[in-house]
Protein backbone atom coordinates (compact mmCIF):
# COMPACT_ATOMS: atom_id res chain seq x y z
CA UNK A 1 57.66 165.27 77.81
CA UNK A 2 59.09 168.04 79.97
CA UNK A 3 61.04 170.91 78.44
CA UNK A 4 62.82 173.54 80.51
CA UNK A 5 60.98 176.85 80.69
CA UNK A 6 64.12 178.68 79.54
CA UNK A 7 64.87 176.28 76.65
CA UNK A 8 65.85 177.86 73.36
CA UNK A 9 64.19 177.15 70.04
CA UNK A 10 66.82 174.62 69.01
CA UNK A 11 66.41 172.59 72.20
CA UNK A 12 62.62 172.76 71.96
CA UNK A 13 62.67 171.67 68.32
CA UNK A 14 64.97 168.70 68.95
CA UNK A 15 62.66 167.52 71.75
CA UNK A 16 59.71 167.08 69.38
CA UNK A 17 61.22 166.89 65.90
CA UNK A 18 63.99 164.65 64.47
CA UNK A 19 66.92 166.81 63.26
CA UNK A 20 65.18 169.82 64.85
CA UNK A 21 63.76 170.97 61.51
CA UNK A 22 61.67 169.51 58.71
CA UNK A 23 64.47 170.58 56.33
CA UNK A 24 67.87 169.10 57.22
CA UNK A 25 69.88 171.91 55.67
CA UNK A 26 68.03 174.55 57.68
CA UNK A 27 68.91 173.06 61.09
CA UNK A 28 71.48 175.44 62.64
CA UNK A 29 74.93 173.90 63.13
CA UNK A 30 76.98 176.99 64.07
CA UNK A 31 75.30 178.14 67.28
CA UNK A 32 75.32 180.50 69.07
CA UNK A 33 76.34 182.82 66.22
CA UNK A 34 73.89 181.28 63.75
CA UNK A 35 70.19 182.08 64.28
CA UNK A 36 68.12 179.38 65.94
CA UNK A 37 65.05 180.60 64.04
CA UNK A 38 64.17 183.33 61.55
CA UNK A 39 60.92 185.16 62.23
CA UNK A 40 60.70 187.78 59.47
CA UNK A 41 62.06 188.68 56.04
CA UNK A 42 61.84 191.76 53.85
CA UNK A 43 63.63 192.23 50.56
CA UNK A 44 67.24 191.15 51.05
CA UNK A 45 67.14 191.04 54.89
CA UNK A 46 65.93 188.62 57.56
CA UNK A 47 65.56 188.91 61.35
CA UNK A 48 65.83 186.27 64.07
CA UNK A 49 63.86 186.00 67.32
CA UNK A 50 66.51 188.08 69.11
CA UNK A 51 65.95 191.01 66.76
CA UNK A 52 69.26 190.54 64.94
CA UNK A 53 69.23 191.63 61.30
CA UNK A 54 71.10 189.74 58.57
CA UNK A 55 71.77 190.41 54.91
CA UNK A 56 70.35 187.16 53.56
CA UNK A 57 72.15 184.99 51.02
CA UNK A 58 70.45 181.73 51.99
CA UNK A 59 67.19 182.93 50.39
CA UNK A 60 65.29 179.95 51.87
CA UNK A 61 67.95 177.70 50.21
CA UNK A 62 67.13 179.17 46.81
CA UNK A 63 63.39 179.79 46.36
CA UNK A 64 63.44 183.52 47.17
CA UNK A 65 64.37 184.98 43.78
CA UNK A 66 62.56 188.34 43.84
CA UNK A 67 63.11 189.09 47.55
CA UNK A 68 61.28 188.36 50.78
CA UNK A 69 57.70 189.63 50.94
CA UNK A 70 57.70 190.98 47.39
CA UNK A 71 54.59 193.22 47.37
CA UNK A 72 53.44 192.15 43.89
CA UNK A 73 53.56 188.45 44.73
CA UNK A 74 51.94 189.03 48.11
CA UNK A 75 49.14 191.01 46.44
CA UNK A 76 48.50 188.16 43.99
CA UNK A 77 48.23 185.72 46.90
CA UNK A 78 45.82 187.98 48.81
CA UNK A 79 43.66 188.55 45.72
CA UNK A 80 43.33 184.82 45.11
CA UNK A 81 42.76 184.09 48.80
CA UNK A 82 39.51 186.05 48.63
CA UNK A 83 38.21 183.60 46.01
CA UNK A 84 39.48 180.41 47.61
CA UNK A 85 42.49 178.15 47.99
CA UNK A 86 41.50 174.72 46.72
CA UNK A 87 38.52 173.24 44.89
CA UNK A 88 37.12 169.91 43.73
CA UNK A 89 37.65 170.81 40.07
CA UNK A 90 40.55 172.49 38.26
CA UNK A 91 40.89 176.25 38.66
CA UNK A 92 41.73 178.28 35.53
CA UNK A 93 45.10 179.13 37.09
CA UNK A 94 46.20 175.53 36.58
CA UNK A 95 45.95 175.97 32.83
CA UNK A 96 47.13 179.57 32.53
CA UNK A 97 50.15 178.98 34.79
CA UNK A 98 51.12 175.93 32.74
CA UNK A 99 50.73 177.95 29.53
CA UNK A 100 53.02 180.66 30.86
CA UNK A 101 55.57 178.15 32.12
CA UNK A 102 55.68 176.28 28.82
CA UNK A 103 56.18 179.54 26.92
CA UNK A 104 59.35 180.21 28.93
CA UNK A 105 61.07 176.82 29.16
CA UNK A 106 62.68 175.16 26.12
CA UNK A 107 61.39 171.64 25.63
CA UNK A 108 58.35 172.10 27.88
CA UNK A 109 55.57 170.99 25.57
CA UNK A 110 53.37 170.19 28.59
CA UNK A 111 53.61 170.65 32.35
CA UNK A 112 51.93 169.55 35.57
CA UNK A 113 52.21 170.68 39.19
CA UNK A 114 53.11 169.11 42.50
CA UNK A 115 54.44 170.60 45.72
CA UNK A 116 58.03 169.42 46.18
CA UNK A 117 61.01 168.58 44.05
CA UNK A 118 61.34 165.09 45.50
CA UNK A 119 57.87 163.99 44.45
CA UNK A 120 58.20 165.65 41.03
CA UNK A 121 61.46 163.79 40.45
CA UNK A 122 59.80 160.55 41.51
CA UNK A 123 57.10 161.28 38.91
CA UNK A 124 59.71 161.82 36.20
CA UNK A 125 61.44 158.53 37.03
CA UNK A 126 58.16 156.61 36.87
CA UNK A 127 57.14 158.31 33.61
CA UNK A 128 60.51 157.51 32.02
CA UNK A 129 60.34 153.87 33.04
CA UNK A 130 56.83 153.53 31.65
CA UNK A 131 57.65 155.29 28.37
CA UNK A 132 60.81 153.26 27.69
CA UNK A 133 59.77 149.95 29.25
CA UNK A 134 63.14 149.92 31.06
CA UNK A 135 64.09 149.90 34.73
CA UNK A 136 67.56 151.37 35.26
CA UNK A 137 68.18 155.03 36.15
CA UNK A 138 71.45 156.95 36.11
CA UNK A 139 71.64 159.66 38.79
CA UNK A 140 74.09 162.55 38.53
CA UNK A 141 74.16 165.07 41.37
CA UNK A 142 71.71 165.59 44.21
CA UNK A 143 68.19 164.68 43.12
CA UNK A 144 66.39 165.17 46.40
CA UNK A 145 65.99 162.80 49.33
CA UNK A 146 63.27 160.78 47.63
CA UNK A 147 65.53 159.91 44.72
CA UNK A 148 68.79 159.26 46.54
CA UNK A 149 68.32 155.59 45.80
CA UNK A 150 71.69 154.51 44.42
CA UNK A 151 74.60 153.43 46.59
CA UNK A 152 77.13 156.26 46.44
CA UNK A 153 74.50 158.84 45.44
CA UNK A 154 74.12 162.26 47.01
CA UNK A 155 71.95 161.97 50.12
CA UNK A 156 72.31 165.71 50.71
CA UNK A 157 73.80 168.39 48.45
CA UNK A 158 77.19 168.01 50.15
CA UNK A 159 77.17 164.37 51.23
CA UNK A 160 77.18 160.89 49.71
CA UNK A 161 76.46 157.49 51.22
CA UNK A 162 77.97 154.13 50.38
CA UNK A 163 74.66 152.45 51.22
CA UNK A 164 71.03 153.45 51.21
CA UNK A 165 69.34 152.30 54.43
CA UNK A 166 65.58 152.06 54.06
CA UNK A 167 65.77 151.28 50.33
CA UNK A 168 65.37 147.62 49.28
CA UNK A 169 68.56 146.26 47.74
CA UNK A 170 66.75 145.23 44.59
CA UNK A 171 65.54 148.79 43.99
CA UNK A 172 68.90 150.38 44.83
CA UNK A 173 70.55 148.05 42.31
CA UNK A 174 68.53 149.68 39.52
CA UNK A 175 69.88 153.15 40.35
CA UNK A 176 73.42 154.07 39.37
CA UNK A 177 75.25 157.06 40.85
CA UNK A 178 77.74 158.75 38.54
CA UNK A 179 79.90 161.74 39.37
CA UNK A 180 79.66 165.00 37.46
CA UNK A 181 81.68 164.86 34.24
CA UNK A 182 82.64 161.20 34.69
CA UNK A 183 82.41 160.13 31.05
CA UNK A 184 84.39 156.96 31.69
CA UNK A 185 81.89 155.70 34.29
CA UNK A 186 78.97 156.59 32.00
CA UNK A 187 80.49 154.72 29.08
CA UNK A 188 81.04 151.67 31.27
CA UNK A 189 77.43 151.79 32.48
CA UNK A 190 76.04 152.02 28.98
CA UNK A 191 78.31 149.22 27.75
CA UNK A 192 76.99 147.00 30.53
CA UNK A 193 73.34 148.06 30.65
CA UNK A 194 72.63 150.33 27.67
CA UNK A 195 69.46 148.53 26.62
CA UNK A 196 68.09 148.61 30.19
CA UNK A 197 68.65 152.30 31.03
CA UNK A 198 65.44 154.31 31.02
CA UNK A 199 66.73 157.66 32.16
CA UNK A 200 69.74 159.85 32.81
CA UNK A 201 68.70 162.24 35.58
CA UNK A 202 71.16 165.09 36.07
CA UNK A 203 71.36 167.96 38.53
CA UNK A 204 73.95 170.60 37.78
CA UNK A 205 77.22 170.66 39.70
CA UNK A 206 77.15 174.30 40.83
CA UNK A 207 80.88 175.04 40.59
CA UNK A 208 80.88 173.54 37.08
CA UNK A 209 77.82 175.36 35.67
CA UNK A 210 79.78 177.89 33.55
CA UNK A 211 81.56 175.10 31.66
CA UNK A 212 78.79 172.49 31.67
CA UNK A 213 77.46 172.70 28.09
CA UNK A 214 79.85 170.07 26.75
CA UNK A 215 78.87 167.53 29.40
CA UNK A 216 75.16 168.11 28.80
CA UNK A 217 75.75 167.64 25.08
CA UNK A 218 77.52 164.32 25.71
CA UNK A 219 74.65 163.17 27.95
CA UNK A 220 72.18 163.99 25.17
CA UNK A 221 74.24 162.01 22.66
CA UNK A 222 74.48 158.97 24.95
CA UNK A 223 70.77 158.98 25.69
CA UNK A 224 69.87 159.23 22.00
CA UNK A 225 72.33 156.52 21.00
CA UNK A 226 70.88 154.03 23.49
CA UNK A 227 67.17 154.93 23.40
CA UNK A 228 67.19 156.38 26.92
CA UNK A 229 65.59 159.62 28.08
CA UNK A 230 67.40 162.64 29.50
CA UNK A 231 65.94 164.63 32.40
CA UNK A 232 67.19 167.78 34.12
CA UNK A 233 66.76 168.50 37.80
CA UNK A 234 66.31 172.29 37.60
CA UNK A 235 65.23 172.84 41.20
CA UNK A 236 68.04 175.36 41.77
CA UNK A 237 69.11 176.34 38.25
CA UNK A 238 65.64 176.95 36.78
CA UNK A 239 64.62 180.63 36.72
CA UNK A 240 67.99 181.48 38.30
CA UNK A 241 70.82 180.58 35.93
CA UNK A 242 68.31 181.38 33.16
CA UNK A 243 64.52 181.43 32.87
CA UNK A 244 64.64 178.10 31.09
CA UNK A 245 67.35 176.72 33.36
CA UNK A 246 70.17 174.61 31.99
CA UNK A 247 68.30 173.78 28.78
CA UNK A 248 68.42 177.47 27.92
CA UNK A 249 71.90 178.07 29.35
CA UNK A 250 73.50 175.05 27.67
CA UNK A 251 71.43 174.91 24.48
CA UNK A 252 70.87 171.20 25.12
CA UNK A 253 67.17 170.35 25.55
CA UNK A 254 66.15 167.35 27.71
CA UNK A 255 63.14 165.09 27.31
CA UNK A 256 61.88 165.80 30.83
CA UNK A 257 62.63 168.34 33.54
CA UNK A 258 61.68 169.33 37.06
CA UNK A 259 61.53 172.95 38.26
CA UNK A 260 60.57 174.44 41.60
CA UNK A 261 62.61 176.79 43.73
CA UNK A 262 62.65 179.77 41.40
CA UNK A 263 59.06 179.58 40.20
CA UNK A 264 56.92 181.07 42.98
CA UNK A 265 59.21 183.20 45.19
CA UNK A 266 58.86 180.91 48.19
CA UNK A 267 55.38 179.47 47.77
CA UNK A 268 55.43 175.64 47.58
CA UNK A 269 55.24 174.54 43.96
CA UNK A 270 57.10 172.05 41.77
CA UNK A 271 56.68 171.59 38.02
CA UNK A 272 57.42 168.48 35.99
CA UNK A 273 57.41 169.00 32.26
CA UNK A 274 58.73 167.81 28.95
CA UNK A 275 57.87 166.17 25.66
CA UNK A 276 54.15 165.67 25.18
CA UNK A 277 54.60 162.15 23.75
CA UNK A 278 56.60 161.09 26.82
CA UNK A 279 54.06 162.61 29.21
CA UNK A 280 51.40 160.79 27.19
CA UNK A 281 51.70 157.82 29.58
CA UNK A 282 49.70 160.00 31.99
CA UNK A 283 46.93 160.72 29.47
CA UNK A 284 46.61 157.01 28.69
CA UNK A 285 46.44 156.06 32.35
CA UNK A 286 49.55 153.87 32.12
CA UNK A 287 51.07 155.89 34.97
CA UNK A 288 49.12 157.67 37.69
CA UNK A 289 50.71 160.75 39.25
CA UNK A 290 48.14 162.74 41.18
CA UNK A 291 47.95 164.98 44.25
CA UNK A 292 45.08 166.82 45.93
CA UNK A 293 47.26 169.89 46.33
CA UNK A 294 48.77 170.03 42.83
CA UNK A 295 46.32 172.76 41.76
CA UNK A 296 46.38 174.80 44.98
CA UNK A 297 45.64 178.31 43.79
CA UNK A 298 47.72 180.54 46.09
CA UNK A 299 50.97 178.98 44.84
CA UNK A 300 49.79 179.15 41.23
CA UNK A 301 48.90 182.83 41.61
CA UNK A 302 52.33 183.48 43.13
CA UNK A 303 54.00 181.54 40.32
CA UNK A 304 52.16 183.44 37.59
CA UNK A 305 53.20 186.77 39.07
CA UNK A 306 56.77 185.64 39.78
CA UNK A 307 57.37 184.20 36.31
CA UNK A 308 55.84 187.27 34.64
CA UNK A 309 58.11 189.61 36.62
CA UNK A 310 61.15 187.45 35.91
CA UNK A 311 60.39 187.50 32.19
CA UNK A 312 59.43 191.17 31.84
CA UNK A 313 62.13 192.59 34.10
CA UNK A 314 64.87 190.20 32.95
CA UNK A 315 65.50 189.10 36.52
CA UNK A 316 68.04 186.32 35.74
CA UNK A 317 70.29 188.93 34.12
CA UNK A 318 69.98 191.11 37.22
CA UNK A 319 70.80 188.14 39.46
CA UNK A 320 73.83 187.42 37.28
CA UNK A 321 75.10 190.99 37.58
CA UNK A 322 74.59 191.24 41.32
CA UNK A 323 75.91 187.73 41.91
CA UNK A 324 79.09 188.48 39.96
CA UNK A 325 79.66 191.59 42.08
CA UNK A 326 79.29 189.50 45.22
CA UNK A 327 81.32 186.51 44.04
CA UNK A 328 84.23 188.62 42.79
CA UNK A 329 84.24 190.85 45.88
CA UNK A 330 84.17 187.95 48.32
CA UNK A 331 86.85 186.02 46.42
CA UNK A 332 89.09 189.11 46.53
CA UNK A 333 88.49 189.32 50.28
CA UNK A 334 89.26 185.60 50.73
CA UNK A 335 92.46 185.92 48.69
CA UNK A 336 93.61 189.01 50.64
CA UNK A 337 93.04 187.14 53.90
CA UNK A 338 94.84 184.02 52.67
CA UNK A 339 91.69 181.94 53.20
CA UNK A 340 91.91 178.33 51.88
CA UNK A 341 88.56 178.55 50.10
CA UNK A 342 86.71 180.50 47.43
CA UNK A 343 83.36 180.72 45.65
CA UNK A 344 83.17 178.87 42.34
CA UNK A 345 80.42 178.45 39.77
CA UNK A 346 77.67 180.52 38.21
CA UNK A 347 77.27 183.94 39.87
CA UNK A 348 73.61 183.29 40.73
CA UNK A 349 74.46 180.18 42.78
CA UNK A 350 78.22 179.87 43.43
CA UNK A 351 79.43 177.32 45.95
CA UNK A 352 82.14 177.40 48.60
CA UNK A 353 85.03 175.20 47.52
CA UNK A 354 87.98 174.44 49.79
CA UNK A 355 88.76 173.22 53.29
CA UNK A 356 85.55 172.68 55.25
CA UNK A 357 86.75 173.63 58.74
CA UNK A 358 87.96 177.11 57.69
CA UNK A 359 84.77 177.59 55.68
CA UNK A 360 82.69 176.82 58.78
CA UNK A 361 84.84 179.19 60.82
CA UNK A 362 84.18 181.99 58.36
CA UNK A 363 80.44 181.26 58.16
CA UNK A 364 80.24 181.34 61.96
CA UNK A 365 82.00 184.71 62.09
CA UNK A 366 79.85 186.00 59.22
CA UNK A 367 76.70 185.42 61.29
CA UNK A 368 78.25 187.55 64.04
CA UNK A 369 78.67 190.34 61.48
CA UNK A 370 75.09 190.18 60.20
CA UNK A 371 75.59 187.97 57.15
CA UNK A 372 73.46 184.87 56.59
CA UNK A 373 75.43 182.66 54.20
CA UNK A 374 75.20 179.03 53.10
CA UNK A 375 77.50 176.62 51.26
CA UNK A 376 75.68 177.73 48.09
CA UNK A 377 75.34 181.53 47.99
CA UNK A 378 72.07 182.85 46.55
CA UNK A 379 71.36 186.44 45.57
CA UNK A 380 67.84 187.72 44.97
CA UNK A 381 66.51 190.65 42.96
CA UNK A 382 66.13 192.79 46.08
CA UNK A 383 69.90 192.81 46.76
CA UNK A 384 71.27 196.20 45.76
CA UNK A 385 74.81 197.16 44.82
CA UNK A 386 75.01 198.88 48.22
CA UNK A 387 73.91 195.66 49.97
CA UNK A 388 76.69 193.75 48.25
CA UNK A 389 79.31 196.39 49.01
CA UNK A 390 78.25 196.30 52.68
CA UNK A 391 78.41 192.49 52.57
CA UNK A 392 82.01 192.56 51.37
CA UNK A 393 82.99 195.01 54.11
CA UNK A 394 81.35 192.81 56.75
CA UNK A 395 82.99 189.72 55.27
CA UNK A 396 86.41 191.34 55.55
CA UNK A 397 85.70 192.09 59.22
CA UNK A 398 84.64 188.47 59.77
CA UNK A 399 87.82 187.21 58.07
CA UNK A 400 89.92 189.46 60.27
CA UNK A 401 88.14 188.10 63.34
CA UNK A 402 88.82 184.52 62.24
CA UNK A 403 92.46 185.42 61.63
CA UNK A 404 92.81 186.76 65.16
């Protein structure tokens, strides 16, 4: 394979890597304004290979909650690195990190670790099927690529597919995609298959988070009435909307849940947790979920430090305050510019809602003005009030440029 000597990172990546990135949503689509690669991050800022600095609201698509290169988390990783990364027996951090996690998350009577949300969600589905003796799963929202099994389900956070190539038809038929808040479709599903449904697996609809408690309550009631389990996909909402995610924010506790992005400030770690009796299928050997890297110590050390800081310094409240400043300021700027879009949802993870082409035009211009934004806008604890004020000024300049 021959690549031009002057090829850019995007061209080089596409030559050796499908999509040009291992994470679809990170592949740049708004070049040349958007960075091809990011090489460094500190606090609320990131830099690309050309030396351009950006105020960062992508935050690695959510995992950076404290800020890039947080010195306390980095110190915990370095301290553990001196003692080792991975062993042939459990390290004490496996137990102590699980203890801390369970003390913070409502309904988490027990917890185990994996590396990614997709595999943790796959574990939850298998556990639910084994516990209930049923096969059907209801999917609401984006549950990761591994669990986009139902026709019409989210295959990416902003995209659905009428079919599921690569998934056997018999398996896809056992997964049912339902839209957020679609009580009518849920009632029809339970009338037709109520005794066969093992699990309702729900990921929050970001624009609807502030008013979601009623829907979560109705899901809990349906699951209980039909002997099904309820599971929350907290990959984004956990440790961001609240420490305990949507179970804390809504007051409705699920049977199972999956956390990840907010737990370790960027280190790779996913947690699946829930009722001890449901997870008992693992103790009894009825279901095997196991991974060599589940107890990798650097991520556990990072998670312990991250969760402790988030608890002791009330980080979700700080994210809420800073996110509200950003969301309100940007929406004022959009309204003043007559833009056909706005940010809706919880201040810690609001989403662009409106016409896609103008949104893309603004995001492209925002990159030119040193703002790294995404369709979901994430703040982290390193963003200051001054950072947000500067962001709003730059956004107004970008809107004016788009208008011209």
